[in-house]
């Protein structure tokens, strides 16, 4: 399991406990982890705003470890440090897979 997948699994387990059926509220086609208006927490906790959702889960300083934000330095790809945009794409793919695992849907955007 990759580091991203481990973090998302940790975040999904937290949501399973704290926000039952969160996965039913996620529109994978609209999921954009870089945008607080359409990120996973905003969708899961609608109509709450992102910051309110973070506070409700007690995640203010633990977003990265729960797969809800990229690391500040980016990711190491064979010796090259890549930017946060790569991490956001990785996070989105891992969250889409977590949603699919809970709903039985296709794990690709647009699949469903």
N, C-alpha and C. Protein backbone atom coordinates (compact mmCIF):
# COMPACT_ATOMS: atom_id res chain seq x y z
N UNK A 1 0.86 -1.17 0.00
CA UNK A 1 0.00 0.00 0.00
C UNK A 1 0.91 1.24 0.00
N UNK A 2 0.60 2.19 -0.85
CA UNK A 2 1.40 3.42 -0.92
C UNK A 2 1.13 4.30 0.30
N UNK A 3 2.01 5.27 0.50
CA UNK A 3 1.81 6.22 1.61
C UNK A 3 0.50 6.97 1.45
N UNK A 4 0.17 7.35 0.22
CA UNK A 4 -1.10 8.06 -0.02
C UNK A 4 -2.27 7.15 0.32
N UNK A 5 -2.23 5.92 -0.14
CA UNK A 5 -3.32 4.97 0.14
C UNK A 5 -3.47 4.72 1.64
N UNK A 6 -2.35 4.64 2.35
CA UNK A 6 -2.41 4.46 3.80
C UNK A 6 -3.07 5.65 4.48
N UNK A 7 -2.71 6.84 4.05
CA UNK A 7 -3.30 8.04 4.65
C UNK A 7 -4.80 8.13 4.35
N UNK A 8 -5.17 7.83 3.11
CA UNK A 8 -6.58 7.86 2.75
C UNK A 8 -7.35 6.78 3.52
N UNK A 9 -6.78 5.62 3.68
CA UNK A 9 -7.44 4.55 4.46
C UNK A 9 -7.68 5.02 5.89
N UNK A 10 -6.71 5.72 6.46
CA UNK A 10 -6.86 6.27 7.82
C UNK A 10 -7.99 7.30 7.86
N UNK A 11 -8.02 8.18 6.86
CA UNK A 11 -9.08 9.18 6.79
C UNK A 11 -10.44 8.57 6.56
N UNK A 12 -10.52 7.56 5.68
CA UNK A 12 -11.79 6.90 5.40
C UNK A 12 -12.32 6.18 6.65
N UNK A 13 -11.43 5.55 7.40
CA UNK A 13 -11.85 4.88 8.63
C UNK A 13 -12.40 5.90 9.63
N UNK A 14 -11.76 7.06 9.72
CA UNK A 14 -12.26 8.11 10.60
C UNK A 14 -13.65 8.57 10.15
N UNK A 15 -13.81 8.80 8.85
CA UNK A 15 -15.12 9.21 8.34
C UNK A 15 -16.17 8.13 8.55
N UNK A 16 -15.79 6.87 8.40
CA UNK A 16 -16.74 5.77 8.65
C UNK A 16 -17.29 5.85 10.08
N UNK A 17 -16.42 6.21 11.03
CA UNK A 17 -16.84 6.31 12.43
C UNK A 17 -17.63 7.59 12.71
N UNK A 18 -17.15 8.70 12.17
CA UNK A 18 -17.68 10.01 12.55
C UNK A 18 -18.78 10.56 11.63
N UNK A 19 -18.87 10.04 10.43
CA UNK A 19 -19.81 10.57 9.44
C UNK A 19 -20.37 9.41 8.61
N UNK A 20 -21.20 8.56 9.23
CA UNK A 20 -21.70 7.38 8.54
C UNK A 20 -22.30 7.72 7.18
N UNK A 21 -22.02 6.84 6.23
CA UNK A 21 -22.53 6.96 4.85
C UNK A 21 -21.96 8.18 4.12
N UNK A 22 -20.83 8.69 4.59
CA UNK A 22 -20.17 9.83 3.94
C UNK A 22 -19.97 9.58 2.46
N UNK A 23 -19.66 8.36 2.11
CA UNK A 23 -19.34 8.00 0.72
C UNK A 23 -20.52 8.18 -0.21
N UNK A 24 -21.74 8.14 0.32
CA UNK A 24 -22.93 8.33 -0.52
C UNK A 24 -23.10 9.78 -0.96
N UNK A 25 -22.40 10.70 -0.30
CA UNK A 25 -22.52 12.12 -0.62
C UNK A 25 -21.41 12.63 -1.54
N UNK A 26 -20.49 11.76 -1.91
CA UNK A 26 -19.35 12.18 -2.72
C UNK A 26 -19.65 12.03 -4.21
N UNK A 27 -19.51 13.13 -4.93
CA UNK A 27 -19.62 13.13 -6.38
C UNK A 27 -18.20 13.06 -6.92
N UNK A 28 -17.77 11.86 -7.31
CA UNK A 28 -16.38 11.66 -7.75
C UNK A 28 -16.05 12.48 -8.99
N UNK A 29 -17.04 12.78 -9.81
CA UNK A 29 -16.79 13.61 -11.00
C UNK A 29 -16.47 15.05 -10.62
N UNK A 30 -16.93 15.50 -9.47
CA UNK A 30 -16.68 16.87 -9.01
C UNK A 30 -15.55 16.96 -7.99
N UNK A 31 -15.07 15.81 -7.53
CA UNK A 31 -14.05 15.80 -6.48
C UNK A 31 -12.79 16.53 -6.95
N UNK A 32 -12.40 17.53 -6.19
CA UNK A 32 -11.19 18.30 -6.46
C UNK A 32 -10.55 18.60 -5.11
N UNK A 33 -9.54 17.83 -4.76
CA UNK A 33 -8.93 17.95 -3.45
C UNK A 33 -8.19 19.27 -3.28
N UNK A 34 -7.93 19.99 -4.35
CA UNK A 34 -7.25 21.28 -4.23
C UNK A 34 -8.22 22.44 -4.04
N UNK A 35 -9.51 22.16 -4.10
CA UNK A 35 -10.52 23.21 -4.00
C UNK A 35 -11.42 22.97 -2.78
N UNK A 36 -11.36 23.85 -1.78
CA UNK A 36 -12.16 23.63 -0.58
C UNK A 36 -13.67 23.68 -0.84
N UNK A 37 -14.08 24.09 -2.02
CA UNK A 37 -15.52 24.10 -2.34
C UNK A 37 -16.00 22.76 -2.88
N UNK A 38 -15.09 21.90 -3.33
CA UNK A 38 -15.52 20.62 -3.88
C UNK A 38 -14.62 19.46 -3.43
N UNK A 39 -13.89 19.67 -2.34
CA UNK A 39 -13.04 18.61 -1.82
C UNK A 39 -13.89 17.56 -1.09
N UNK A 40 -13.25 16.53 -0.65
CA UNK A 40 -13.97 15.43 -0.02
C UNK A 40 -14.73 15.85 1.24
N UNK A 41 -14.09 16.58 2.13
CA UNK A 41 -14.76 16.96 3.37
C UNK A 41 -15.96 17.88 3.13
N UNK A 42 -15.81 18.80 2.20
CA UNK A 42 -16.93 19.70 1.90
C UNK A 42 -18.12 18.91 1.38
N UNK A 43 -17.85 17.95 0.49
CA UNK A 43 -18.95 17.13 -0.03
C UNK A 43 -19.55 16.23 1.05
N UNK A 44 -18.70 15.62 1.87
CA UNK A 44 -19.19 14.68 2.89
C UNK A 44 -20.00 15.38 3.97
N UNK A 45 -19.66 16.61 4.29
CA UNK A 45 -20.31 17.32 5.39
C UNK A 45 -21.23 18.44 4.92
N UNK A 46 -21.62 18.43 3.67
CA UNK A 46 -22.54 19.46 3.16
C UNK A 46 -23.69 19.63 4.12
N UNK A 47 -24.13 20.78 4.50
CA UNK A 47 -23.79 22.11 3.99
C UNK A 47 -22.68 22.80 4.76
N UNK A 48 -21.97 22.08 5.64
CA UNK A 48 -20.85 22.72 6.36
C UNK A 48 -19.77 23.14 5.38
N UNK A 49 -19.01 24.14 5.78
CA UNK A 49 -17.86 24.57 5.00
C UNK A 49 -16.66 23.73 5.39
N UNK A 50 -15.63 23.75 4.56
CA UNK A 50 -14.43 22.95 4.78
C UNK A 50 -13.86 23.14 6.18
N UNK A 51 -13.63 24.37 6.58
CA UNK A 51 -13.03 24.63 7.89
C UNK A 51 -13.86 24.10 9.03
N UNK A 52 -15.17 24.19 8.91
CA UNK A 52 -16.06 23.66 9.95
C UNK A 52 -15.97 22.14 10.02
N UNK A 53 -15.84 21.50 8.86
CA UNK A 53 -15.71 20.04 8.82
C UNK A 53 -14.41 19.58 9.45
N UNK A 54 -13.34 20.29 9.14
CA UNK A 54 -12.03 19.97 9.72
C UNK A 54 -12.09 20.09 11.24
N UNK A 55 -12.67 21.16 11.73
CA UNK A 55 -12.77 21.36 13.18
C UNK A 55 -13.66 20.30 13.82
N UNK A 56 -14.76 19.93 13.18
CA UNK A 56 -15.68 18.93 13.73
C UNK A 56 -14.99 17.58 13.91
N UNK A 57 -14.06 17.26 13.02
CA UNK A 57 -13.34 15.99 13.11
C UNK A 57 -12.06 16.09 13.94
N UNK A 58 -11.73 17.29 14.39
CA UNK A 58 -10.50 17.47 15.16
C UNK A 58 -9.25 17.27 14.34
N UNK A 59 -9.30 17.64 13.07
CA UNK A 59 -8.19 17.38 12.16
C UNK A 59 -7.36 18.61 11.82
N UNK A 60 -7.51 19.66 12.54
CA UNK A 60 -6.87 20.92 12.17
C UNK A 60 -5.39 20.75 11.84
N UNK A 61 -4.66 20.00 12.61
CA UNK A 61 -3.23 19.82 12.35
C UNK A 61 -2.91 18.43 11.82
N UNK A 62 -3.93 17.68 11.39
CA UNK A 62 -3.69 16.30 10.96
C UNK A 62 -4.28 15.97 9.58
N UNK A 63 -4.43 16.96 8.73
CA UNK A 63 -5.01 16.73 7.41
C UNK A 63 -4.16 15.80 6.55
N UNK A 64 -2.85 16.00 6.56
CA UNK A 64 -1.96 15.19 5.73
C UNK A 64 -2.03 13.73 6.15
N UNK A 65 -1.96 13.45 7.44
CA UNK A 65 -1.94 12.06 7.89
C UNK A 65 -3.25 11.32 7.64
N UNK A 66 -4.31 12.05 7.32
CA UNK A 66 -5.60 11.43 7.01
C UNK A 66 -5.96 11.55 5.53
N UNK A 67 -4.96 11.86 4.69
CA UNK A 67 -5.17 11.88 3.25
C UNK A 67 -6.06 13.00 2.76
N UNK A 68 -6.10 14.10 3.48
CA UNK A 68 -6.98 15.20 3.11
C UNK A 68 -6.23 16.43 2.61
N UNK A 69 -4.90 16.35 2.58
CA UNK A 69 -4.07 17.44 2.07
C UNK A 69 -2.73 16.85 1.65
N UNK A 70 -2.07 17.47 0.67
CA UNK A 70 -0.75 16.99 0.26
C UNK A 70 0.30 17.42 1.27
N UNK A 71 1.46 16.78 1.21
CA UNK A 71 2.56 17.23 2.04
C UNK A 71 3.09 18.52 1.46
N UNK A 72 3.73 19.30 2.26
CA UNK A 72 4.23 20.60 1.82
C UNK A 72 5.33 20.45 0.77
N UNK A 73 6.13 19.42 0.87
CA UNK A 73 7.28 19.27 -0.02
C UNK A 73 6.95 18.56 -1.32
N UNK A 74 5.77 18.04 -1.48
CA UNK A 74 5.46 17.26 -2.67
C UNK A 74 5.85 15.81 -2.48
N UNK A 75 6.11 15.13 -3.55
CA UNK A 75 6.36 13.69 -3.51
C UNK A 75 7.68 13.38 -4.19
N UNK A 76 8.34 12.37 -3.71
CA UNK A 76 9.60 11.95 -4.31
C UNK A 76 9.30 10.89 -5.37
N UNK A 77 9.60 11.21 -6.62
CA UNK A 77 9.42 10.27 -7.73
C UNK A 77 10.79 9.90 -8.28
N UNK A 78 11.39 8.87 -7.72
CA UNK A 78 12.67 8.43 -8.21
C UNK A 78 13.75 9.49 -8.14
N UNK A 79 13.79 10.23 -7.06
CA UNK A 79 14.82 11.23 -6.88
C UNK A 79 14.40 12.64 -7.24
N UNK A 80 13.25 12.78 -7.88
CA UNK A 80 12.78 14.13 -8.23
C UNK A 80 11.62 14.51 -7.34
N UNK A 81 11.65 15.69 -6.81
CA UNK A 81 10.54 16.18 -6.02
C UNK A 81 9.54 16.83 -6.97
N UNK A 82 8.31 16.37 -6.92
CA UNK A 82 7.27 16.92 -7.77
C UNK A 82 6.36 17.81 -6.95
N UNK A 83 5.57 18.61 -7.61
CA UNK A 83 4.74 19.58 -6.92
C UNK A 83 3.48 19.01 -6.31
N UNK A 84 2.79 19.88 -5.59
CA UNK A 84 1.57 19.48 -4.89
C UNK A 84 0.49 19.04 -5.85
N UNK A 85 0.49 19.54 -7.11
CA UNK A 85 -0.56 19.13 -8.04
C UNK A 85 -0.55 17.62 -8.27
N UNK A 86 0.62 17.01 -8.23
CA UNK A 86 0.70 15.56 -8.36
C UNK A 86 0.07 14.89 -7.15
N UNK A 87 0.37 15.42 -5.98
CA UNK A 87 -0.21 14.87 -4.76
C UNK A 87 -1.73 14.98 -4.77
N UNK A 88 -2.26 16.11 -5.23
CA UNK A 88 -3.71 16.25 -5.28
C UNK A 88 -4.32 15.19 -6.18
N UNK A 89 -3.71 14.92 -7.33
CA UNK A 89 -4.21 13.89 -8.23
C UNK A 89 -4.14 12.52 -7.56
N UNK A 90 -3.05 12.26 -6.85
CA UNK A 90 -2.92 10.98 -6.13
C UNK A 90 -4.00 10.86 -5.04
N UNK A 91 -4.23 11.95 -4.31
CA UNK A 91 -5.25 11.93 -3.27
C UNK A 91 -6.63 11.69 -3.86
N UNK A 92 -6.93 12.37 -4.96
CA UNK A 92 -8.24 12.18 -5.60
C UNK A 92 -8.43 10.73 -6.04
N UNK A 93 -7.42 10.15 -6.66
CA UNK A 93 -7.51 8.76 -7.11
C UNK A 93 -7.73 7.82 -5.93
N UNK A 94 -7.02 8.05 -4.84
CA UNK A 94 -7.17 7.17 -3.67
C UNK A 94 -8.54 7.34 -3.01
N UNK A 95 -9.04 8.57 -2.94
CA UNK A 95 -10.38 8.78 -2.36
C UNK A 95 -11.47 8.20 -3.26
N UNK A 96 -11.30 8.31 -4.58
CA UNK A 96 -12.28 7.71 -5.49
C UNK A 96 -12.31 6.20 -5.29
N UNK A 97 -11.14 5.60 -5.10
CA UNK A 97 -11.09 4.15 -4.83
C UNK A 97 -11.76 3.82 -3.50
N UNK A 98 -11.57 4.67 -2.49
CA UNK A 98 -12.21 4.43 -1.18
C UNK A 98 -13.72 4.54 -1.29
N UNK A 99 -14.21 5.49 -2.05
CA UNK A 99 -15.65 5.62 -2.27
C UNK A 99 -16.16 4.40 -3.00
N UNK A 100 -15.46 3.99 -4.05
CA UNK A 100 -15.88 2.83 -4.84
C UNK A 100 -15.92 1.56 -4.00
N UNK A 101 -14.95 1.41 -3.10
CA UNK A 101 -14.92 0.22 -2.25
C UNK A 101 -16.14 0.15 -1.33
N UNK A 102 -16.68 1.30 -0.98
CA UNK A 102 -17.83 1.35 -0.08
C UNK A 102 -19.17 1.33 -0.81
N UNK A 103 -19.16 1.72 -2.09
CA UNK A 103 -20.43 1.81 -2.82
C UNK A 103 -20.56 0.75 -3.91
N UNK A 104 -19.46 0.07 -4.24
CA UNK A 104 -19.48 -0.91 -5.30
C UNK A 104 -19.48 -0.30 -6.69
N UNK A 105 -19.14 1.01 -6.77
CA UNK A 105 -19.10 1.68 -8.07
C UNK A 105 -17.74 1.52 -8.72
N UNK A 106 -17.70 1.85 -9.99
CA UNK A 106 -16.47 1.90 -10.75
C UNK A 106 -15.56 2.94 -10.11
N UNK A 107 -14.28 2.62 -9.96
CA UNK A 107 -13.35 3.52 -9.27
C UNK A 107 -12.77 4.60 -10.16
N UNK A 108 -13.25 4.75 -11.37
CA UNK A 108 -12.72 5.80 -12.24
C UNK A 108 -13.68 6.98 -12.30
N UNK A 109 -13.15 8.20 -12.46
CA UNK A 109 -14.06 9.34 -12.60
C UNK A 109 -15.00 9.10 -13.78
N UNK A 110 -16.25 9.37 -13.58
CA UNK A 110 -17.24 9.14 -14.63
C UNK A 110 -17.82 7.74 -14.59
N UNK A 111 -17.14 6.84 -13.89
CA UNK A 111 -17.66 5.48 -13.75
C UNK A 111 -18.68 5.45 -12.65
N UNK A 112 -19.65 4.64 -12.76
CA UNK A 112 -20.55 4.77 -11.67
C UNK A 112 -21.64 3.87 -11.68
